[in-house]
Protein backbone atom coordinates (compact mmCIF):
# COMPACT_ATOMS: atom_id res chain seq x y z
CA MET A 1 27.13 -2.26 -46.29
CA ASN A 2 24.44 -2.53 -43.18
CA ASN A 3 20.79 -3.40 -43.43
CA ARG A 4 19.96 -3.66 -40.35
CA GLN A 5 16.67 -1.86 -39.79
CA VAL A 6 16.44 1.34 -37.84
CA PHE A 7 13.45 2.32 -35.64
CA LEU A 8 13.52 5.63 -34.40
CA PRO A 9 10.71 7.98 -32.83
CA THR A 10 7.23 9.14 -34.50
CA LEU A 11 5.79 10.98 -31.29
CA VAL A 12 8.60 13.41 -29.37
CA ARG A 13 7.27 15.76 -26.95
CA VAL A 14 9.92 17.03 -24.63
CA LYS A 15 7.86 20.91 -22.88
CA PRO A 16 5.50 22.11 -19.48
CA GLY A 17 3.15 20.17 -19.85
CA ALA A 18 3.78 17.41 -21.96
CA MET A 19 1.68 14.66 -19.55
CA ASP A 20 -1.14 16.54 -19.24
CA ARG A 21 -1.85 15.60 -23.12
CA LEU A 22 -1.10 11.79 -23.05
CA GLY A 23 -3.85 11.31 -23.68
CA ILE A 24 -4.58 13.47 -26.40
CA TYR A 25 -1.40 12.00 -27.92
CA LEU A 26 -2.42 8.19 -27.93
CA THR A 27 -5.60 9.14 -29.73
CA ARG A 28 -3.68 10.54 -33.10
CA HIS A 29 -1.49 7.65 -33.04
CA GLY A 30 -5.03 5.80 -32.77
CA PHE A 31 -4.16 3.90 -29.80
CA SER A 32 -7.03 3.70 -27.26
CA ARG A 33 -6.30 0.31 -25.38
CA VAL A 34 -2.97 -0.05 -23.72
CA ALA A 35 -1.42 -1.23 -20.44
CA LEU A 36 0.70 0.62 -17.79
CA LEU A 37 3.24 0.49 -16.12
CA HIS A 38 4.36 3.03 -13.77
CA SER A 39 7.00 2.93 -10.83
CA ALA A 40 5.26 2.21 -7.81
CA ASP A 41 6.34 4.78 -5.78
CA LEU A 42 5.31 7.67 -8.00
CA ALA A 43 3.92 10.27 -5.97
CA ALA A 44 0.30 9.95 -5.56
CA PRO A 45 -0.88 13.68 -7.21
CA LEU A 46 1.16 12.22 -10.47
CA LEU A 47 -0.50 9.42 -10.87
CA ARG A 48 -3.48 10.83 -9.97
CA ARG A 49 -2.51 13.31 -13.45
CA LEU A 50 -1.27 10.60 -15.18
CA GLN A 51 -4.84 8.58 -15.49
CA ALA A 52 -6.61 11.73 -15.77
CA ALA A 53 -4.68 12.59 -18.62
CA LEU A 54 -6.18 9.57 -20.03
CA PRO A 55 -10.02 9.80 -21.16
CA GLY A 56 -9.45 8.80 -24.17
CA ALA A 57 -7.81 5.83 -24.04
CA THR A 58 -8.88 2.31 -22.34
CA VAL A 59 -6.42 1.17 -20.11
CA LEU A 60 -6.54 -2.59 -19.83
CA GLN A 61 -3.76 -2.74 -16.82
CA ALA A 62 -1.97 -0.51 -14.75
CA ILE A 63 1.61 -2.82 -12.53
CA PRO A 64 3.23 -1.10 -10.01
CA VAL A 65 6.70 -1.34 -10.53
CA ASP A 66 8.95 -2.16 -8.01
CA GLU A 67 11.61 -4.11 -9.82
CA ALA A 68 13.37 -4.83 -12.96
CA SER A 69 13.80 -7.78 -13.74
CA PHE A 70 13.74 -10.33 -15.90
CA GLU A 71 11.84 -12.19 -14.31
CA GLN A 72 9.12 -10.20 -13.68
CA ALA A 73 9.14 -8.55 -16.57
CA THR A 74 8.62 -12.29 -18.71
CA ALA A 75 6.11 -12.54 -15.92
CA LEU A 76 3.75 -9.92 -16.32
CA PHE A 77 4.44 -10.32 -21.01
CA ARG A 78 2.95 -13.65 -20.37
CA ASN A 79 0.12 -11.80 -18.21
CA LEU A 80 -0.54 -8.90 -20.45
CA PRO A 81 -4.87 -8.90 -21.78
CA ALA A 82 -5.30 -9.73 -25.27
CA GLY A 83 -6.17 -6.46 -27.36
CA ILE A 84 -3.91 -4.23 -25.89
CA ASP A 85 -2.72 -1.04 -28.76
CA ALA A 86 0.59 0.12 -27.28
CA ILE A 87 2.05 0.37 -23.92
CA ILE A 88 3.50 3.12 -21.70
CA GLY A 89 5.45 3.12 -19.16
CA CYS A 90 6.09 6.15 -17.06
CA GLY A 91 8.36 7.47 -13.73
CA GLY A 92 11.65 6.14 -12.69
CA GLY A 93 14.41 3.88 -15.34
CA LYS A 94 13.14 0.24 -13.34
CA ALA A 95 8.99 1.18 -14.92
CA MET A 96 10.49 2.22 -18.54
CA ASP A 97 13.04 -0.34 -18.93
CA VAL A 98 9.88 -3.42 -17.29
CA ALA A 99 7.95 -1.89 -19.89
CA LYS A 100 10.01 -1.49 -22.61
CA TYR A 101 11.30 -4.85 -22.62
CA ILE A 102 7.68 -6.14 -22.98
CA ALA A 103 7.10 -4.12 -25.20
CA PHE A 104 10.07 -5.67 -27.48
CA LEU A 105 8.20 -9.14 -26.26
CA ALA A 106 5.41 -7.89 -27.53
CA HIS A 107 6.03 -6.76 -30.71
CA LEU A 108 4.06 -3.59 -29.45
CA PRO A 109 4.26 0.29 -29.66
CA TYR A 110 5.90 1.57 -26.54
CA LEU A 111 5.84 4.56 -24.84
CA ALA A 112 8.17 6.71 -22.52
CA VAL A 113 7.38 8.53 -19.99
CA PRO A 114 9.62 9.57 -17.92
CA THR A 115 9.48 11.26 -14.71
CA SER A 116 13.30 12.43 -14.05
CA LEU A 117 16.72 12.86 -15.65
CA SER A 118 18.72 10.16 -14.05
CA ASN A 119 20.18 8.29 -17.00
CA ASP A 120 18.96 8.14 -21.14
CA GLY A 121 17.69 4.78 -20.72
CA PHE A 122 14.33 6.59 -21.57
CA CYS A 123 14.85 6.34 -25.11
CA SER A 124 17.66 3.29 -26.35
CA PRO A 125 17.37 0.00 -27.67
CA GLN A 126 18.07 -1.51 -24.98
CA SER A 127 17.02 -2.21 -21.21
CA SER A 128 18.74 -2.89 -17.77
CA LEU A 129 16.84 -6.05 -16.08
CA THR A 130 18.41 -8.17 -13.26
CA LEU A 131 19.22 -11.71 -14.33
CA ALA A 132 19.12 -14.31 -12.01
CA GLY A 133 20.26 -11.37 -8.86
CA ARG A 134 22.74 -10.09 -12.37
CA ARG A 135 22.12 -6.61 -14.16
CA ARG A 136 22.24 -7.49 -17.45
CA SER A 137 21.52 -5.07 -20.38
CA LEU A 138 19.06 -6.78 -23.22
CA PRO A 139 17.58 -5.74 -26.18
CA ALA A 140 13.91 -4.01 -25.95
CA ARG A 141 12.14 -1.80 -28.74
CA MET A 142 13.23 1.60 -28.54
CA PRO A 143 10.38 3.75 -28.04
CA PHE A 144 7.39 4.78 -30.30
CA GLY A 145 7.07 7.99 -28.49
CA VAL A 146 8.74 10.21 -25.96
CA VAL A 147 6.78 12.25 -23.81
CA VAL A 148 9.24 14.07 -21.22
CA ASP A 149 6.77 16.88 -19.18
CA THR A 150 9.88 19.07 -18.36
CA ALA A 151 7.96 21.15 -15.63
CA ILE A 152 7.93 16.98 -13.74
CA CYS A 153 11.35 16.47 -14.40
CA LEU A 154 12.41 19.87 -12.84
CA GLU A 155 11.06 19.30 -9.55
CA ALA A 156 12.49 15.79 -9.23
CA PRO A 157 14.78 15.86 -6.38
CA LEU A 158 18.98 17.39 -6.75
CA PRO A 159 21.05 13.46 -6.91
CA LEU A 160 18.59 12.65 -10.34
CA TRP A 161 19.09 15.55 -11.79
CA TRP A 162 23.13 14.59 -10.80
CA SER A 163 22.67 11.44 -12.01
CA GLY A 164 21.24 12.12 -15.30
CA ILE A 165 24.59 14.66 -15.92
CA GLY A 166 27.01 12.31 -14.93
CA ASP A 167 25.90 9.56 -17.94
CA LEU A 168 25.88 12.59 -19.98
CA VAL A 169 29.05 13.40 -19.47
CA SER A 170 30.20 9.89 -19.86
CA LYS A 171 29.54 10.38 -23.84
CA PHE A 172 32.84 11.37 -24.35
CA THR A 173 34.51 8.64 -23.00
CA ALA A 174 32.94 6.70 -24.64
CA VAL A 175 33.56 7.52 -27.82
CA HIS A 176 37.18 8.12 -26.86
CA ASP A 177 37.13 4.67 -26.32
CA TRP A 178 34.82 3.33 -29.35
CA LYS A 179 38.35 5.47 -31.65
CA LEU A 180 40.72 3.34 -29.46
CA ALA A 181 38.31 0.08 -29.43
CA PHE A 182 38.99 0.55 -33.77
CA HIS A 183 42.86 0.93 -33.46
CA ALA A 184 43.50 -2.01 -30.90
CA ASN A 185 40.98 -4.50 -33.08
CA GLY A 186 38.65 -2.68 -35.59
CA THR A 187 35.72 -2.73 -34.12
CA GLN A 188 34.00 -0.48 -36.92
CA VAL A 189 32.80 2.99 -35.83
CA ASP A 190 30.52 5.18 -36.71
CA ASP A 191 31.18 8.64 -37.33
CA LEU A 192 27.39 10.11 -37.18
CA ALA A 193 27.01 7.61 -34.41
CA ALA A 194 29.89 9.94 -33.01
CA LEU A 195 29.41 12.82 -33.39
CA LEU A 196 25.39 13.33 -33.12
CA SER A 197 26.83 11.32 -28.98
CA ASP A 198 29.37 13.88 -28.68
CA ALA A 199 27.52 17.22 -29.91
CA THR A 200 25.16 16.36 -27.28
CA VAL A 201 27.16 16.69 -24.03
CA PHE A 202 28.87 20.28 -26.07
CA GLN A 203 25.00 21.51 -26.14
CA PHE A 204 24.21 21.19 -23.05
CA MET A 205 28.09 22.33 -21.65
CA ALA A 206 26.83 25.79 -23.01
CA ARG A 207 24.17 26.49 -20.43
CA PRO A 208 23.83 23.57 -17.83
CA GLU A 209 21.03 25.33 -15.98
CA ARG A 210 18.79 23.31 -13.44
CA ASP A 211 16.01 25.70 -14.72
CA ALA A 212 12.96 24.78 -17.75
CA ALA A 213 15.60 25.64 -20.36
CA GLY A 214 18.41 23.48 -19.11
CA VAL A 215 15.95 20.73 -18.33
CA GLN A 216 14.28 20.96 -21.94
CA LEU A 217 18.32 20.71 -22.57
CA LEU A 218 19.37 17.57 -20.72
CA ALA A 219 16.44 15.36 -21.93
CA THR A 220 17.35 16.09 -25.67
CA ALA A 221 20.48 15.69 -24.94
CA LEU A 222 20.06 11.98 -23.43
CA LEU A 223 16.74 11.05 -26.24
CA LEU A 224 19.69 11.61 -28.43
CA ASN A 225 22.15 9.34 -26.66
CA GLY A 226 19.23 6.49 -26.94
CA ILE A 227 18.40 7.62 -30.90
CA ALA A 228 23.05 7.14 -31.32
CA MET A 229 22.88 3.45 -29.94
CA GLU A 230 19.49 2.68 -32.30
CA MET A 231 21.57 4.40 -35.25
CA CYS A 232 24.92 1.93 -34.80
CA GLY A 233 23.42 -0.83 -33.55
CA SER A 234 25.65 -0.54 -30.81
CA SER A 235 25.83 0.73 -26.59
CA ARG A 236 29.15 2.44 -28.47
CA PRO A 237 28.53 6.56 -28.50
CA ALA A 238 26.85 6.19 -25.68
CA SER A 239 29.21 3.56 -23.03
CA GLY A 240 32.69 2.94 -22.80
CA SER A 241 35.30 1.66 -19.50
CA GLU A 242 33.40 4.54 -17.32
CA HIS A 243 29.63 2.38 -17.65
CA LEU A 244 32.03 -1.70 -17.22
CA LEU A 245 33.30 0.34 -13.76
CA SER A 246 29.85 1.33 -12.87
CA HIS A 247 28.77 -2.24 -13.76
CA ALA A 248 31.87 -3.68 -11.64
CA LEU A 249 30.43 -1.70 -9.21
CA ASP A 250 26.76 -2.49 -9.64
CA ALA A 251 27.70 -6.27 -9.12
CA PHE A 252 29.59 -6.68 -5.34
CA SER A 253 29.44 -3.11 -4.06
CA ALA A 254 27.40 -3.86 -0.75
CA ARG A 255 25.45 -0.48 -1.60
CA PRO A 256 26.12 1.04 -5.32
CA ARG A 257 24.73 4.46 -5.75
CA LEU A 258 23.00 5.72 -8.26
CA HIS A 259 24.05 4.33 -12.45
CA GLY A 260 24.24 8.11 -13.30
CA LEU A 261 26.67 9.32 -9.63
CA GLN A 262 28.71 6.06 -10.43
CA VAL A 263 28.79 6.51 -14.46
CA GLY A 264 29.51 10.37 -13.54
CA THR A 265 32.32 9.95 -11.38
CA ALA A 266 33.96 7.37 -13.76
CA THR A 267 34.05 9.56 -16.21
CA TYR A 268 35.83 11.81 -14.59
CA ILE A 269 38.69 9.24 -13.23
CA ILE A 270 39.01 7.62 -16.82
CA SER A 271 39.17 11.26 -18.76
CA HIS A 272 43.28 11.15 -16.89
CA LEU A 273 43.55 7.69 -17.77
CA GLN A 274 42.43 8.68 -21.53
CA ARG A 275 44.88 11.31 -21.78
CA GLY A 276 41.32 13.40 -22.19
CA ASP A 277 39.89 16.71 -21.83
CA HIS A 278 39.50 15.87 -17.81
CA ALA A 279 38.97 19.60 -17.44
CA ALA A 280 36.21 20.23 -18.84
CA ILE A 281 34.13 17.76 -17.75
CA GLY A 282 35.22 18.58 -14.67
CA GLY A 283 34.95 22.05 -14.77
CA LEU A 284 30.96 21.14 -16.07
CA LEU A 285 30.64 18.73 -13.46
CA ASP A 286 31.66 21.50 -10.71
CA ARG A 287 29.45 24.15 -12.60
CA VAL A 288 26.54 21.90 -12.05
CA GLY A 289 27.08 20.70 -7.84
CA PHE A 290 27.93 17.45 -9.05
CA TRP A 291 30.53 16.38 -6.47
CA GLN A 292 27.80 17.59 -3.59
CA ALA A 293 26.18 13.91 -4.04
CA PHE A 294 28.72 12.39 -1.95
CA ALA A 295 29.06 15.53 0.67
CA ASP A 296 27.82 13.24 3.44
CA ASP A 297 27.75 9.97 2.01
CA ARG A 298 31.52 9.51 0.91
CA LEU A 299 32.59 6.74 -1.42
CA ASP A 300 35.30 4.07 -0.58
CA ARG A 301 38.14 3.90 -2.76
CA HIS A 302 38.80 0.43 -1.89
CA VAL A 303 35.82 -0.46 -3.16
CA TRP A 304 36.34 1.31 -6.37
CA LEU A 305 40.05 0.41 -7.19
CA GLU A 306 38.72 -3.24 -6.76
CA ALA A 307 35.99 -2.10 -9.70
CA VAL A 308 39.02 -0.86 -11.64
CA ARG A 309 40.66 -4.43 -11.48
CA ARG A 310 36.79 -6.10 -12.35
CA ALA A 311 36.00 -3.87 -15.12
CA PRO A 312 37.72 -4.98 -18.02
CA GLY A 313 36.25 -8.76 -17.95
CA ILE A 314 33.17 -6.73 -17.27
CA LYS A 315 32.01 -7.46 -21.00
CA ALA A 316 34.66 -9.85 -23.94
CA GLY A 317 35.65 -8.73 -26.37
CA PHE A 318 35.10 -4.73 -25.62
CA HIS A 319 38.29 -3.26 -25.46
CA THR A 320 38.57 0.07 -23.83
CA VAL A 321 41.57 2.09 -22.14
CA LEU A 322 41.33 -0.59 -19.29
CA ASN A 323 42.92 -3.13 -21.52
CA GLU A 324 45.43 -1.29 -22.94
CA ARG A 325 47.41 -1.40 -18.88
CA ASP A 326 46.88 -1.92 -15.89
CA CYS A 327 45.33 0.86 -14.97
CA VAL A 328 44.91 0.59 -11.06
CA PRO A 329 48.15 2.40 -9.44
CA GLU A 330 47.24 5.27 -12.10
CA VAL A 331 43.71 5.86 -10.31
CA ALA A 332 45.48 4.89 -6.68
CA ASP A 333 47.13 8.05 -7.27
CA LEU A 334 44.39 10.23 -8.99
CA LEU A 335 42.15 9.66 -6.18
CA ALA A 336 44.98 10.66 -3.30
CA GLY A 337 46.08 13.33 -5.21
CA ASP A 338 43.51 15.20 -7.08
CA GLU A 339 41.48 18.21 -5.68
CA ARG A 340 39.14 17.04 -6.61
CA LEU A 341 38.32 13.04 -5.91
CA ARG A 342 40.15 12.64 -2.86
CA HIS A 343 37.21 14.92 -1.01
CA VAL A 344 34.79 12.74 -2.31
CA PHE A 345 36.52 9.73 -1.67
CA ILE A 346 38.01 8.19 1.97
CA GLY A 347 40.09 4.41 2.84
């Protein structure tokens, strides 16, 4: 029996205007003295709006975050003022990963206020930080509260929308890899977490529109993916060989792309290797215009093939389809012959 304690968000608001009510939510839960970490490039009108939303709270520290590193996070933790009730992370992934990790170190409640939906990291038990220049997934605090202002997220740049969808659709291949790992080495599969992760993608696939309802669906789906990871104590329901491929690209590519753009592309490739439903995955990516992200800036075939070669060694003991055979020749044929991919890759 697994007696591990599971932490789930108590406060969840996914609706238009949610950020403007942030101060009300803080007051309701007894948080009056907070530290605020926000993206350094957060648009000035949004920053003013965020500050105006906190009339009942004393902001003891407001910090712009421009890098997501372990070194910066620990330095900020050491300089936290005394008497803080909660930590708020607002903006993009870097600010929230740093805020989440500081909350973990300080044993404080954390509230996530994303301004875009580019990945599932705003509600997950991990922080993606660099350590000595290398990307690491470190244990972090699940948010006490998730406040998603869908109207703000709807106004985020289109590539961030595509990135979020790319990260979401990867749950199909991640769960498939999880089951392969069970048959290969007995890795335990949490059936409920796997079911929840799969279901979020199917729910979004029913209506993948970039409008108010579609943004709410995407936000909820990504949030539930984070909860699936917390439920089983593993990244397995949300991360498989497609994420290893993205991590390999981050490690050696001269110019990595947005996480979700890499992961979404890798998901389509991996679904072929798994003999999975690549038609459904490709159909969703077609429908949302995902491939347009590379229309003027195509991907390097040789770099991606090298990433396929390196990916199985990224995470020791993490079995995926990439461990079952040499997949490089198959991927090379796919990049050259697949109708979608041959328009995306050059070289």
